[in-house]
Amino acid sequence: MMDRLAVLPEEHCAITSPEKQMSNRSTITEFLLLAFADTRELQLLHFTLFLGIYLAALLGNGLILSAVACDHRLHTPMYFFLLNLALLDVGSISNTVPKAMANALWDTRAISYQGCAAQVFFLFFLFGSEYSLLTVMAYDRYVAICKPLHYGSLLGSRACAQMAAAAWGSGFLYSILHTATTFSLPLCQGNAVEQFFCEIPHILKLSCSDSYLREGQLLIFSAFLTIGCFVFIVLSYVQIFRAVLRMPSEQGRHKAFSTCLPHLAVVSLMISTGMCSYLKSPSISFPSLDIVIAVLYSVVPPALNPLIYSMRNQELKDHALWKLMTRCVLDARNV
C-alpha cells in the first residue's frame, strides 16, 4: 500500500508535466532570423547590397513624394495615387531591410517577439494596401484612356480620397486578421525563423497545434482575393491595350505600352513570388531559394516602382523633378 502511494505523485507529475512543458515551450521572448552568411566578409557584402537598394528606394520614392507635394500641376488623381504608392513603398522596405542590415552588420540574428509581430503586421498592412492601391491605379488608367469624357465625374477628389482610404483600410484589416491568428498559436518547435524577416509560413512551422490550419485557410482565402485583384488589373490593361492599338499616333502607342507593360510586369512579379512564398507546401524548403523569392516580392518592387511609375513619366521628369533638383541646388549655393 505504501509503495502504491509512493508511485501516485510520480504518475500525477507524468500527467501534468506535458502541460507545463507546453506552457514553457510556447513562451518565446525572441526569434532567431536566418543569417545570410557565416563568414564576416559575406555578411558585410549583404549589408552593402541591402544598403544600396534601401537608399535607392528612399531616394526614388522621396523624390516622388516631394515633387507631387510641391508642384500644383501634379495635383491630379494619377499623381495622388502615385504619392500613396510611394508612401507604401517607403514603409514596406523600411519594415524589413533595416533590421536585416543591422543583423548583418552586428553579426546577430535576434528579433524580439514584439518586433516579429510588428514586422508581420506592417508587412501585411503595407503590401495589402499596395495591392489594393495598384488595383485602383489600374482603374484610374482605364478610365483615363478608355472613358476620358467621364474621367472628371468618376474620379473626382472625393472619389479618389475614398478609394485611397479603402485601400489603406483593407490593408489594415488584412494585417489585423493575419497577425492575430498567427501569434495566438502556441509555439513549441524552437524559435528559429528560416527567413531574414518574420514571414508567416516559417512561423507556422514552429507551431505545436493543429490550429495553425486556421491561418493556412486564411492565407488561401487571401490568395483568392489577391488573384481577384490581379484579374481585375489584367482586364483593365486588356481594355487599355485595345484602346491604345486604335490610336493613330505610333508615338502615342509606344508611350502607352512602355508605361503600362512595366506596371503589369511589377504587379505580376509581386503576386507570383508572394503566392509562391506563402502557398507552397511547408515540406518544400530551400533556404537560398526562399530568400531570393522573399527579396523579389518585398525588396525589389519598392526600389523599382519609382523608376517604372515615375522616372518613365515625361511630365514628372521634365517639370517637377527638374524643378525640385534646381531648387535644391540653389538652396545649397545660398547656404
C-alpha atoms as a PDB file:
ATOM      1  CA  MET A   1       0.000   0.000   0.000  1.00  0.00           C
ATOM      2  CA  MET A   2       2.796   2.388   0.892  1.00  0.00           C
ATOM      3  CA  ASP A   3       4.517   1.537  -2.371  1.00  0.00           C
ATOM      4  CA  ARG A   4       1.336   2.360  -4.272  1.00  0.00           C
ATOM      5  CA  LEU A   5       1.025   5.689  -2.524  1.00  0.00           C
ATOM      6  CA  ALA A   6       4.645   6.444  -3.284  1.00  0.00           C
ATOM      7  CA  VAL A   7       4.019   5.928  -7.006  1.00  0.00           C
ATOM      8  CA  LEU A   8       0.959   8.213  -7.195  1.00  0.00           C
ATOM      9  CA  PRO A   9       2.885  11.529  -7.088  1.00  0.00           C
ATOM     10  CA  GLU A  10       5.104  10.345  -9.955  1.00  0.00           C
ATOM     11  CA  GLU A  11       2.073   9.390 -12.053  1.00  0.00           C
ATOM     12  CA  HIS A  12       0.494  12.727 -11.248  1.00  0.00           C
ATOM     13  CA  CYS A  13       3.675  14.508 -12.357  1.00  0.00           C
ATOM     14  CA  ALA A  14       3.720  12.464 -15.551  1.00  0.00           C
ATOM     15  CA  ILE A  15       0.199  13.661 -16.319  1.00  0.00           C
ATOM     16  CA  THR A  16       0.783  17.329 -15.570  1.00  0.00           C
ATOM     17  CA  SER A  17       4.309  17.752 -16.861  1.00  0.00           C
ATOM     18  CA  PRO A  18       3.364  17.858 -20.591  1.00  0.00           C
ATOM     19  CA  GLU A  19       1.034  20.761 -19.872  1.00  0.00           C
ATOM     20  CA  LYS A  20       3.782  22.549 -18.008  1.00  0.00           C
ATOM     21  CA  GLN A  21       6.214  21.815 -20.818  1.00  0.00           C
ATOM     22  CA  MET A  22       3.720  23.117 -23.382  1.00  0.00           C
ATOM     23  CA  SER A  23       3.313  26.315 -21.376  1.00  0.00           C
ATOM     24  CA  ASN A  24       7.059  26.746 -21.043  1.00  0.00           C
ATOM     25  CA  ARG A  25       7.814  25.956 -24.680  1.00  0.00           C
ATOM     26  CA  SER A  26       5.164  28.309 -26.051  1.00  0.00           C
ATOM     27  CA  THR A  27       6.582  31.227 -24.053  1.00  0.00           C
ATOM     28  CA  ILE A  28       9.007  32.752 -26.568  1.00  0.00           C
ATOM     29  CA  THR A  29      10.613  36.122 -25.924  1.00  0.00           C
ATOM     30  CA  GLU A  30      12.615  36.363 -29.157  1.00  0.00           C
ATOM     31  CA  PHE A  31      13.071  34.739 -32.545  1.00  0.00           C
ATOM     32  CA  LEU A  32      16.260  33.965 -34.445  1.00  0.00           C
ATOM     33  CA  LEU A  33      16.224  35.109 -38.066  1.00  0.00           C
ATOM     34  CA  LEU A  34      18.119  33.379 -40.840  1.00  0.00           C
ATOM     35  CA  ALA A  35      21.675  34.628 -41.311  1.00  0.00           C
ATOM     36  CA  PHE A  36      22.671  35.483 -44.870  1.00  0.00           C
ATOM     37  CA  ALA A  37      26.139  34.004 -44.499  1.00  0.00           C
ATOM     38  CA  ASP A  38      28.530  32.518 -41.967  1.00  0.00           C
ATOM     39  CA  THR A  39      31.636  34.469 -42.916  1.00  0.00           C
ATOM     40  CA  ARG A  40      32.119  38.105 -41.911  1.00  0.00           C
ATOM     41  CA  GLU A  41      33.079  39.192 -45.431  1.00  0.00           C
ATOM     42  CA  LEU A  42      29.846  37.872 -46.960  1.00  0.00           C
ATOM     43  CA  GLN A  43      27.792  39.415 -44.150  1.00  0.00           C
ATOM     44  CA  LEU A  44      29.319  42.820 -44.918  1.00  0.00           C
ATOM     45  CA  LEU A  45      28.693  42.258 -48.637  1.00  0.00           C
ATOM     46  CA  HIS A  46      24.999  41.565 -47.969  1.00  0.00           C
ATOM     47  CA  PHE A  47      24.871  44.648 -45.754  1.00  0.00           C
ATOM     48  CA  THR A  48      26.348  46.794 -48.537  1.00  0.00           C
ATOM     49  CA  LEU A  49      23.964  45.425 -51.185  1.00  0.00           C
ATOM     50  CA  PHE A  50      20.904  45.960 -48.996  1.00  0.00           C
ATOM     51  CA  LEU A  51      22.107  49.430 -48.045  1.00  0.00           C
ATOM     52  CA  GLY A  52      22.433  50.394 -51.714  1.00  0.00           C
ATOM     53  CA  ILE A  53      18.955  49.078 -52.556  1.00  0.00           C
ATOM     54  CA  TYR A  54      17.450  50.736 -49.497  1.00  0.00           C
ATOM     55  CA  LEU A  55      18.998  54.145 -50.221  1.00  0.00           C
ATOM     56  CA  ALA A  56      17.919  53.935 -53.878  1.00  0.00           C
ATOM     57  CA  ALA A  57      14.338  53.176 -52.789  1.00  0.00           C
ATOM     58  CA  LEU A  58      14.329  56.041 -50.287  1.00  0.00           C
ATOM     59  CA  LEU A  59      15.770  58.464 -52.842  1.00  0.00           C
ATOM     60  CA  GLY A  60      13.396  57.491 -55.657  1.00  0.00           C
ATOM     61  CA  ASN A  61      10.262  57.462 -53.549  1.00  0.00           C
ATOM     62  CA  GLY A  62      11.356  60.583 -51.669  1.00  0.00           C
ATOM     63  CA  LEU A  63      11.715  62.492 -54.949  1.00  0.00           C
ATOM     64  CA  ILE A  64       8.219  61.400 -55.964  1.00  0.00           C
ATOM     65  CA  LEU A  65       6.726  62.497 -52.647  1.00  0.00           C
ATOM     66  CA  SER A  66       8.466  65.875 -52.791  1.00  0.00           C
ATOM     67  CA  ALA A  67       7.647  66.508 -56.440  1.00  0.00           C
ATOM     68  CA  VAL A  68       3.961  65.631 -56.185  1.00  0.00           C
ATOM     69  CA  ALA A  69       3.507  67.524 -52.922  1.00  0.00           C
ATOM     70  CA  CYS A  70       5.276  70.692 -54.128  1.00  0.00           C
ATOM     71  CA  ASP A  71       4.086  71.036 -57.731  1.00  0.00           C
ATOM     72  CA  HIS A  72       0.420  72.052 -58.010  1.00  0.00           C
ATOM     73  CA  ARG A  73       0.333  70.855 -61.625  1.00  0.00           C
ATOM     74  CA  LEU A  74       0.682  67.309 -60.333  1.00  0.00           C
ATOM     75  CA  HIS A  75      -2.328  67.520 -58.025  1.00  0.00           C
ATOM     76  CA  THR A  76      -4.325  65.120 -60.195  1.00  0.00           C
ATOM     77  CA  PRO A  77      -5.812  61.672 -59.417  1.00  0.00           C
ATOM     78  CA  MET A  78      -2.964  59.765 -61.079  1.00  0.00           C
ATOM     79  CA  TYR A  79      -0.268  61.534 -59.069  1.00  0.00           C
ATOM     80  CA  PHE A  80      -2.349  61.404 -55.896  1.00  0.00           C
ATOM     81  CA  PHE A  81      -2.367  57.615 -56.144  1.00  0.00           C
ATOM     82  CA  LEU A  82       1.329  57.659 -57.052  1.00  0.00           C
ATOM     83  CA  LEU A  83       2.045  59.628 -53.880  1.00  0.00           C
ATOM     84  CA  ASN A  84       0.209  56.992 -51.836  1.00  0.00           C
ATOM     85  CA  LEU A  85       2.181  54.248 -53.594  1.00  0.00           C
ATOM     86  CA  ALA A  86       5.471  55.977 -52.749  1.00  0.00           C
ATOM     87  CA  LEU A  87       4.455  56.195 -49.080  1.00  0.00           C
ATOM     88  CA  LEU A  88       3.627  52.484 -49.019  1.00  0.00           C
ATOM     89  CA  ASP A  89       6.900  51.581 -50.731  1.00  0.00           C
ATOM     90  CA  VAL A  90       8.966  53.569 -48.224  1.00  0.00           C
ATOM     91  CA  GLY A  91       7.135  51.875 -45.366  1.00  0.00           C
ATOM     92  CA  SER A  92       7.336  48.346 -46.785  1.00  0.00           C
ATOM     93  CA  ILE A  93      11.071  48.376 -47.496  1.00  0.00           C
ATOM     94  CA  SER A  94      11.770  50.083 -44.146  1.00  0.00           C
ATOM     95  CA  ASN A  95       9.873  47.316 -42.366  1.00  0.00           C
ATOM     96  CA  THR A  96      12.303  44.510 -43.223  1.00  0.00           C
ATOM     97  CA  VAL A  97      15.561  45.766 -44.745  1.00  0.00           C
ATOM     98  CA  PRO A  98      16.968  47.913 -41.870  1.00  0.00           C
ATOM     99  CA  LYS A  99      16.647  45.022 -39.392  1.00  0.00           C
ATOM    100  CA  ALA A 100      18.310  42.649 -41.857  1.00  0.00           C
ATOM    101  CA  MET A 101      21.135  45.166 -42.373  1.00  0.00           C
ATOM    102  CA  ALA A 102      21.584  45.635 -38.615  1.00  0.00           C
ATOM    103  CA  ASN A 103      21.772  41.871 -38.072  1.00  0.00           C
ATOM    104  CA  ALA A 104      24.362  41.506 -40.837  1.00  0.00           C
ATOM    105  CA  LEU A 105      26.421  44.441 -39.546  1.00  0.00           C
ATOM    106  CA  TRP A 106      26.401  43.404 -35.891  1.00  0.00           C
ATOM    107  CA  ASP A 107      26.577  39.644 -36.617  1.00  0.00           C
ATOM    108  CA  THR A 108      23.385  38.812 -34.747  1.00  0.00           C
ATOM    109  CA  ARG A 109      20.131  37.036 -35.582  1.00  0.00           C
ATOM    110  CA  ALA A 110      17.803  38.009 -32.761  1.00  0.00           C
ATOM    111  CA  ILE A 111      14.494  39.858 -33.066  1.00  0.00           C
ATOM    112  CA  SER A 112      12.122  40.316 -30.142  1.00  0.00           C
ATOM    113  CA  TYR A 113       8.708  38.648 -30.059  1.00  0.00           C
ATOM    114  CA  GLN A 114       7.049  42.070 -30.234  1.00  0.00           C
ATOM    115  CA  GLY A 115       9.354  43.132 -33.072  1.00  0.00           C
ATOM    116  CA  CYS A 116       8.484  39.995 -35.011  1.00  0.00           C
ATOM    117  CA  ALA A 117       4.757  40.590 -34.526  1.00  0.00           C
ATOM    118  CA  ALA A 118       5.228  44.212 -35.654  1.00  0.00           C
ATOM    119  CA  GLN A 119       7.050  43.060 -38.799  1.00  0.00           C
ATOM    120  CA  VAL A 120       4.224  40.675 -39.691  1.00  0.00           C
ATOM    121  CA  PHE A 121       1.597  43.342 -39.017  1.00  0.00           C
ATOM    122  CA  PHE A 122       3.246  46.049 -41.114  1.00  0.00           C
ATOM    123  CA  LEU A 123       4.214  43.607 -43.864  1.00  0.00           C
ATOM    124  CA  PHE A 124       0.582  42.622 -44.437  1.00  0.00           C
ATOM    125  CA  PHE A 125      -0.705  46.138 -43.815  1.00  0.00           C
ATOM    126  CA  LEU A 126       1.621  47.792 -46.323  1.00  0.00           C
ATOM    127  CA  PHE A 127       1.586  45.117 -49.014  1.00  0.00           C
ATOM    128  CA  GLY A 128      -2.149  44.518 -48.643  1.00  0.00           C
ATOM    129  CA  SER A 129      -2.728  48.241 -49.078  1.00  0.00           C
ATOM    130  CA  GLU A 130      -0.337  48.321 -52.039  1.00  0.00           C
ATOM    131  CA  TYR A 131      -2.125  45.512 -53.885  1.00  0.00           C
ATOM    132  CA  SER A 132      -5.423  47.341 -53.378  1.00  0.00           C
ATOM    133  CA  LEU A 133      -3.883  50.627 -54.498  1.00  0.00           C
ATOM    134  CA  LEU A 134      -2.397  49.050 -57.635  1.00  0.00           C
ATOM    135  CA  THR A 135      -5.899  47.821 -58.467  1.00  0.00           C
ATOM    136  CA  VAL A 136      -7.244  51.345 -58.048  1.00  0.00           C
ATOM    137  CA  MET A 137      -4.421  52.739 -60.190  1.00  0.00           C
ATOM    138  CA  ALA A 138      -5.265  50.288 -62.974  1.00  0.00           C
ATOM    139  CA  TYR A 139      -8.877  51.502 -62.804  1.00  0.00           C
ATOM    140  CA  ASP A 140      -7.637  55.111 -62.942  1.00  0.00           C
ATOM    141  CA  ARG A 141      -5.665  54.421 -66.131  1.00  0.00           C
ATOM    142  CA  TYR A 142      -8.607  52.525 -67.631  1.00  0.00           C
ATOM    143  CA  VAL A 143     -10.970  55.452 -67.111  1.00  0.00           C
ATOM    144  CA  ALA A 144      -8.381  57.989 -68.316  1.00  0.00           C
ATOM    145  CA  ILE A 145      -7.719  56.136 -71.597  1.00  0.00           C
ATOM    146  CA  CYS A 146     -10.984  54.322 -72.322  1.00  0.00           C
ATOM    147  CA  LYS A 147     -13.523  56.777 -70.857  1.00  0.00           C
ATOM    148  CA  PRO A 148     -11.795  60.182 -70.931  1.00  0.00           C
ATOM    149  CA  LEU A 149     -15.075  62.138 -71.094  1.00  0.00           C
ATOM    150  CA  HIS A 150     -16.214  60.596 -67.789  1.00  0.00           C
ATOM    151  CA  TYR A 151     -12.869  60.958 -66.017  1.00  0.00           C
ATOM    152  CA  GLY A 152     -13.797  64.065 -64.037  1.00  0.00           C
ATOM    153  CA  SER A 153     -17.070  62.618 -62.782  1.00  0.00           C
ATOM    154  CA  LEU A 154     -15.776  59.125 -61.969  1.00  0.00           C
ATOM    155  CA  LEU A 155     -12.505  60.214 -60.362  1.00  0.00           C
ATOM    156  CA  GLY A 156     -13.203  63.446 -58.566  1.00  0.00           C
ATOM    157  CA  SER A 157     -11.226  64.457 -55.492  1.00  0.00           C
ATOM    158  CA  ARG A 158     -13.775  62.903 -53.130  1.00  0.00           C
ATOM    159  CA  ALA A 159     -13.873  59.600 -55.042  1.00  0.00           C
ATOM    160  CA  CYS A 160     -10.060  59.447 -55.099  1.00  0.00           C
ATOM    161  CA  ALA A 161      -9.850  60.047 -51.342  1.00  0.00           C
ATOM    162  CA  GLN A 162     -12.446  57.327 -50.708  1.00  0.00           C
ATOM    163  CA  MET A 163     -10.638  54.800 -52.919  1.00  0.00           C
ATOM    164  CA  ALA A 164      -7.285  55.547 -51.278  1.00  0.00           C
ATOM    165  CA  ALA A 165      -8.850  55.249 -47.816  1.00  0.00           C
ATOM    166  CA  ALA A 166     -10.440  51.931 -48.823  1.00  0.00           C
ATOM    167  CA  ALA A 167      -7.036  50.637 -49.984  1.00  0.00           C
ATOM    168  CA  TRP A 168      -5.330  51.591 -46.718  1.00  0.00           C
ATOM    169  CA  GLY A 169      -8.287  50.332 -44.652  1.00  0.00           C
ATOM    170  CA  SER A 170      -8.375  46.948 -46.383  1.00  0.00           C
ATOM    171  CA  GLY A 171      -4.659  46.504 -45.731  1.00  0.00           C
ATOM    172  CA  PHE A 172      -5.181  47.323 -42.039  1.00  0.00           C
ATOM    173  CA  LEU A 173      -7.981  44.782 -41.598  1.00  0.00           C
ATOM    174  CA  TYR A 174      -5.990  42.232 -43.571  1.00  0.00           C
ATOM    175  CA  SER A 175      -2.975  42.626 -41.282  1.00  0.00           C
ATOM    176  CA  ILE A 176      -5.041  42.502 -38.085  1.00  0.00           C
ATOM    177  CA  LEU A 177      -6.557  39.156 -39.101  1.00  0.00           C
ATOM    178  CA  HIS A 178      -3.248  37.529 -40.047  1.00  0.00           C
ATOM    179  CA  THR A 179      -1.229  38.881 -37.123  1.00  0.00           C
ATOM    180  CA  ALA A 180      -3.842  37.978 -34.505  1.00  0.00           C
ATOM    181  CA  THR A 181      -4.321  34.480 -35.921  1.00  0.00           C
ATOM    182  CA  THR A 182      -0.611  33.727 -36.262  1.00  0.00           C
ATOM    183  CA  PHE A 183       0.543  34.972 -32.862  1.00  0.00           C
ATOM    184  CA  SER A 184      -2.321  33.333 -30.979  1.00  0.00           C
ATOM    185  CA  LEU A 185      -0.786  29.945 -31.821  1.00  0.00           C
ATOM    186  CA  PRO A 186       1.297  28.045 -29.241  1.00  0.00           C
ATOM    187  CA  LEU A 187       4.869  27.718 -30.487  1.00  0.00           C
ATOM    188  CA  CYS A 188       6.966  24.791 -29.291  1.00  0.00           C
ATOM    189  CA  GLN A 189       9.249  23.904 -32.215  1.00  0.00           C
ATOM    190  CA  GLY A 190      12.029  26.264 -31.223  1.00  0.00           C
ATOM    191  CA  ASN A 191      12.391  29.931 -32.178  1.00  0.00           C
ATOM    192  CA  ALA A 192      14.442  29.811 -35.394  1.00  0.00           C
ATOM    193  CA  VAL A 193      12.688  31.508 -38.338  1.00  0.00           C
ATOM    194  CA  GLU A 194      14.224  30.369 -41.625  1.00  0.00           C
ATOM    195  CA  GLN A 195      13.945  33.771 -43.292  1.00  0.00           C
ATOM    196  CA  PHE A 196      15.696  37.149 -42.956  1.00  0.00           C
ATOM    197  CA  PHE A 197      12.461  38.688 -41.630  1.00  0.00           C
ATOM    198  CA  CYS A 198       9.411  37.319 -39.832  1.00  0.00           C
ATOM    199  CA  GLU A 199       7.379  35.555 -42.500  1.00  0.00           C
ATOM    200  CA  ILE A 200       4.173  33.738 -41.550  1.00  0.00           C
ATOM    201  CA  PRO A 201       4.847  30.369 -43.268  1.00  0.00           C
ATOM    202  CA  HIS A 202       8.102  29.992 -41.336  1.00  0.00           C
ATOM    203  CA  ILE A 203       6.446  30.995 -38.059  1.00  0.00           C
ATOM    204  CA  LEU A 204       3.710  28.396 -38.640  1.00  0.00           C
ATOM    205  CA  LYS A 205       6.408  25.713 -38.805  1.00  0.00           C
ATOM    206  CA  LEU A 206       7.106  26.422 -35.131  1.00  0.00           C
ATOM    207  CA  SER A 207       3.519  25.737 -34.085  1.00  0.00           C
ATOM    208  CA  CYS A 208       2.704  22.691 -31.972  1.00  0.00           C
ATOM    209  CA  SER A 209      -1.059  22.844 -32.507  1.00  0.00           C
ATOM    210  CA  ASP A 210      -3.378  21.935 -35.357  1.00  0.00           C
ATOM    211  CA  SER A 211      -4.941  25.374 -35.005  1.00  0.00           C
ATOM    212  CA  TYR A 212      -2.292  26.651 -37.443  1.00  0.00           C
ATOM    213  CA  LEU A 213      -4.639  25.316 -40.148  1.00  0.00           C
ATOM    214  CA  ARG A 214      -6.879  28.339 -39.499  1.00  0.00           C
ATOM    215  CA  GLU A 215      -4.086  30.655 -40.626  1.00  0.00           C
ATOM    216  CA  GLY A 216      -3.440  28.398 -43.605  1.00  0.00           C
ATOM    217  CA  GLN A 217      -7.085  28.679 -44.633  1.00  0.00           C
ATOM    218  CA  LEU A 218      -6.916  32.444 -44.147  1.00  0.00           C
ATOM    219  CA  LEU A 219      -3.851  32.599 -46.394  1.00  0.00           C
ATOM    220  CA  ILE A 220      -5.685  30.633 -49.096  1.00  0.00           C
ATOM    221  CA  PHE A 221      -8.677  32.981 -48.835  1.00  0.00           C
ATOM    222  CA  SER A 222      -6.316  35.962 -49.094  1.00  0.00           C
ATOM    223  CA  ALA A 223      -4.729  34.388 -52.153  1.00  0.00           C
ATOM    224  CA  PHE A 224      -8.125  34.226 -53.878  1.00  0.00           C
ATOM    225  CA  LEU A 225      -8.685  37.919 -53.113  1.00  0.00           C
ATOM    226  CA  THR A 226      -5.229  38.730 -54.490  1.00  0.00           C
ATOM    227  CA  ILE A 227      -5.943  36.734 -57.642  1.00  0.00           C
ATOM    228  CA  GLY A 228      -9.247  38.607 -57.975  1.00  0.00           C
ATOM    229  CA  CYS A 229      -7.391  41.934 -57.833  1.00  0.00           C
ATOM    230  CA  PHE A 230      -4.859  40.665 -60.363  1.00  0.00           C
ATOM    231  CA  VAL A 231      -7.606  39.547 -62.750  1.00  0.00           C
ATOM    232  CA  PHE A 232      -9.210  42.997 -62.463  1.00  0.00           C
ATOM    233  CA  ILE A 233      -5.834  44.637 -63.210  1.00  0.00           C
ATOM    234  CA  VAL A 234      -5.228  42.397 -66.227  1.00  0.00           C
ATOM    235  CA  LEU A 235      -8.731  43.012 -67.619  1.00  0.00           C
ATOM    236  CA  SER A 236      -8.243  46.764 -67.160  1.00  0.00           C
ATOM    237  CA  TYR A 237      -4.976  46.658 -69.080  1.00  0.00           C
ATOM    238  CA  VAL A 238      -6.501  44.497 -71.811  1.00  0.00           C
ATOM    239  CA  GLN A 239      -9.109  47.234 -72.365  1.00  0.00           C
ATOM    240  CA  ILE A 240      -6.346  49.847 -72.239  1.00  0.00           C
ATOM    241  CA  PHE A 241      -4.257  47.978 -74.835  1.00  0.00           C
ATOM    242  CA  ARG A 242      -7.285  47.631 -77.113  1.00  0.00           C
ATOM    243  CA  ALA A 243      -7.866  51.374 -76.921  1.00  0.00           C
ATOM    244  CA  VAL A 244      -4.154  52.104 -77.447  1.00  0.00           C
ATOM    245  CA  LEU A 245      -3.995  49.945 -80.576  1.00  0.00           C
ATOM    246  CA  ARG A 246      -6.697  52.119 -82.109  1.00  0.00           C
ATOM    247  CA  MET A 247      -4.578  55.240 -81.632  1.00  0.00           C
ATOM    248  CA  PRO A 248      -3.433  56.788 -84.934  1.00  0.00           C
ATOM    249  CA  SER A 249      -0.169  58.031 -83.441  1.00  0.00           C
ATOM    250  CA  GLU A 250       2.654  55.489 -83.294  1.00  0.00           C
ATOM    251  CA  GLN A 251       4.404  57.644 -80.693  1.00  0.00           C
ATOM    252  CA  GLY A 252       1.288  57.596 -78.516  1.00  0.00           C
ATOM    253  CA  ARG A 253       1.039  53.812 -78.761  1.00  0.00           C
ATOM    254  CA  HIS A 254       4.706  53.405 -77.872  1.00  0.00           C
ATOM    255  CA  LYS A 255       4.353  55.716 -74.871  1.00  0.00           C
ATOM    256  CA  ALA A 256       1.287  53.874 -73.567  1.00  0.00           C
ATOM    257  CA  PHE A 257       2.829  50.423 -73.994  1.00  0.00           C
ATOM    258  CA  SER A 258       6.172  51.469 -72.470  1.00  0.00           C
ATOM    259  CA  THR A 259       4.281  52.714 -69.411  1.00  0.00           C
ATOM    260  CA  CYS A 260       1.648  50.003 -68.986  1.00  0.00           C
ATOM    261  CA  LEU A 261       3.738  46.896 -69.646  1.00  0.00           C
ATOM    262  CA  PRO A 262       6.296  47.612 -66.869  1.00  0.00           C
ATOM    263  CA  HIS A 263       3.396  48.298 -64.478  1.00  0.00           C
ATOM    264  CA  LEU A 264       1.908  44.918 -65.285  1.00  0.00           C
ATOM    265  CA  ALA A 265       5.312  43.226 -65.014  1.00  0.00           C
ATOM    266  CA  VAL A 266       5.925  44.553 -61.481  1.00  0.00           C
ATOM    267  CA  VAL A 267       2.432  43.566 -60.329  1.00  0.00           C
ATOM    268  CA  SER A 268       2.930  40.085 -61.791  1.00  0.00           C
ATOM    269  CA  LEU A 269       6.303  39.772 -60.053  1.00  0.00           C
ATOM    270  CA  MET A 270       4.865  40.777 -56.663  1.00  0.00           C
ATOM    271  CA  ILE A 271       1.853  38.485 -56.853  1.00  0.00           C
ATOM    272  CA  SER A 272       3.627  35.418 -58.299  1.00  0.00           C
ATOM    273  CA  THR A 273       6.546  35.493 -55.857  1.00  0.00           C
ATOM    274  CA  GLY A 274       4.314  36.372 -52.892  1.00  0.00           C
ATOM    275  CA  MET A 275       1.948  33.480 -53.590  1.00  0.00           C
ATOM    276  CA  CYS A 276       4.856  31.122 -54.192  1.00  0.00           C
ATOM    277  CA  SER A 277       6.270  32.058 -50.790  1.00  0.00           C
ATOM    278  CA  TYR A 278       3.015  31.819 -48.825  1.00  0.00           C
ATOM    279  CA  LEU A 279       1.188  28.953 -50.525  1.00  0.00           C
ATOM    280  CA  LYS A 280       3.922  26.406 -51.197  1.00  0.00           C
ATOM    281  CA  SER A 281       3.980  23.231 -49.118  1.00  0.00           C
ATOM    282  CA  PRO A 282       5.911  23.528 -45.815  1.00  0.00           C
ATOM    283  CA  SER A 283       7.773  20.354 -46.739  1.00  0.00           C
ATOM    284  CA  ILE A 284       9.328  22.177 -49.702  1.00  0.00           C
ATOM    285  CA  SER A 285      12.008  24.310 -48.133  1.00  0.00           C
ATOM    286  CA  PHE A 286      15.187  25.573 -49.778  1.00  0.00           C
ATOM    287  CA  PRO A 287      16.607  28.437 -47.663  1.00  0.00           C
ATOM    288  CA  SER A 288      18.510  30.078 -50.524  1.00  0.00           C
ATOM    289  CA  LEU A 289      15.505  29.934 -52.859  1.00  0.00           C
ATOM    290  CA  ASP A 290      13.190  31.184 -50.106  1.00  0.00           C
ATOM    291  CA  ILE A 291      15.456  34.203 -49.577  1.00  0.00           C
ATOM    292  CA  VAL A 292      15.518  35.004 -53.302  1.00  0.00           C
ATOM    293  CA  ILE A 293      11.717  34.796 -53.528  1.00  0.00           C
ATOM    294  CA  ALA A 294      11.314  36.979 -50.423  1.00  0.00           C
ATOM    295  CA  VAL A 295      13.674  39.592 -51.856  1.00  0.00           C
ATOM    296  CA  LEU A 296      11.759  39.585 -55.156  1.00  0.00           C
ATOM    297  CA  TYR A 297       8.415  40.404 -53.540  1.00  0.00           C
ATOM    298  CA  SER A 298       9.482  42.505 -50.533  1.00  0.00           C
ATOM    299  CA  VAL A 299      12.627  44.399 -51.566  1.00  0.00           C
ATOM    300  CA  VAL A 300      12.775  44.710 -55.348  1.00  0.00           C
ATOM    301  CA  PRO A 301       9.322  46.264 -56.091  1.00  0.00           C
ATOM    302  CA  PRO A 302       9.683  49.234 -53.676  1.00  0.00           C
ATOM    303  CA  ALA A 303      13.027  50.013 -55.293  1.00  0.00           C
ATOM    304  CA  LEU A 304      11.776  49.555 -58.882  1.00  0.00           C
ATOM    305  CA  ASN A 305       8.412  51.317 -58.579  1.00  0.00           C
ATOM    306  CA  PRO A 306       9.900  54.855 -58.625  1.00  0.00           C
ATOM    307  CA  LEU A 307      11.765  54.005 -61.825  1.00  0.00           C
ATOM    308  CA  ILE A 308       8.817  52.332 -63.540  1.00  0.00           C
ATOM    309  CA  TYR A 309       5.941  54.511 -62.382  1.00  0.00           C
ATOM    310  CA  SER A 310       7.686  57.866 -62.334  1.00  0.00           C
ATOM    311  CA  MET A 311      11.068  58.140 -63.993  1.00  0.00           C
ATOM    312  CA  ARG A 312       9.452  56.948 -67.233  1.00  0.00           C
ATOM    313  CA  ASN A 313       6.829  59.664 -66.840  1.00  0.00           C
ATOM    314  CA  GLN A 314       7.918  62.549 -69.033  1.00  0.00           C
ATOM    315  CA  GLU A 315       5.779  65.139 -67.260  1.00  0.00           C
ATOM    316  CA  LEU A 316       7.224  64.245 -63.880  1.00  0.00           C
ATOM    317  CA  LYS A 317      10.802  64.256 -65.194  1.00  0.00           C
ATOM    318  CA  ASP A 318      10.603  67.401 -67.289  1.00  0.00           C
ATOM    319  CA  HIS A 319       8.815  69.596 -64.787  1.00  0.00           C
ATOM    320  CA  ALA A 320       8.501  68.500 -61.196  1.00  0.00           C
ATOM    321  CA  LEU A 321      11.770  66.622 -60.625  1.00  0.00           C
ATOM    322  CA  TRP A 322      13.833  69.113 -62.598  1.00  0.00           C
ATOM    323  CA  LYS A 323      12.257  71.997 -60.693  1.00  0.00           C
ATOM    324  CA  LEU A 324      12.852  70.227 -57.386  1.00  0.00           C
ATOM    325  CA  MET A 325      16.515  69.480 -58.104  1.00  0.00           C
ATOM    326  CA  THR A 326      17.115  73.039 -59.341  1.00  0.00           C
ATOM    327  CA  ARG A 327      15.645  74.413 -56.120  1.00  0.00           C
ATOM    328  CA  CYS A 328      17.850  72.111 -54.044  1.00  0.00           C
ATOM    329  CA  VAL A 329      20.987  73.244 -55.945  1.00  0.00           C
ATOM    330  CA  LEU A 330      20.082  76.921 -55.484  1.00  0.00           C
ATOM    331  CA  ASP A 331      19.428  76.436 -51.785  1.00  0.00           C
ATOM    332  CA  ALA A 332      22.769  74.664 -51.387  1.00  0.00           C
ATOM    333  CA  ARG A 333      24.597  77.523 -53.115  1.00  0.00           C
ATOM    334  CA  ASN A 334      22.879  80.099 -50.929  1.00  0.00           C
ATOM    335  CA  VAL A 335      23.977  78.249 -47.804  1.00  0.00           C
END
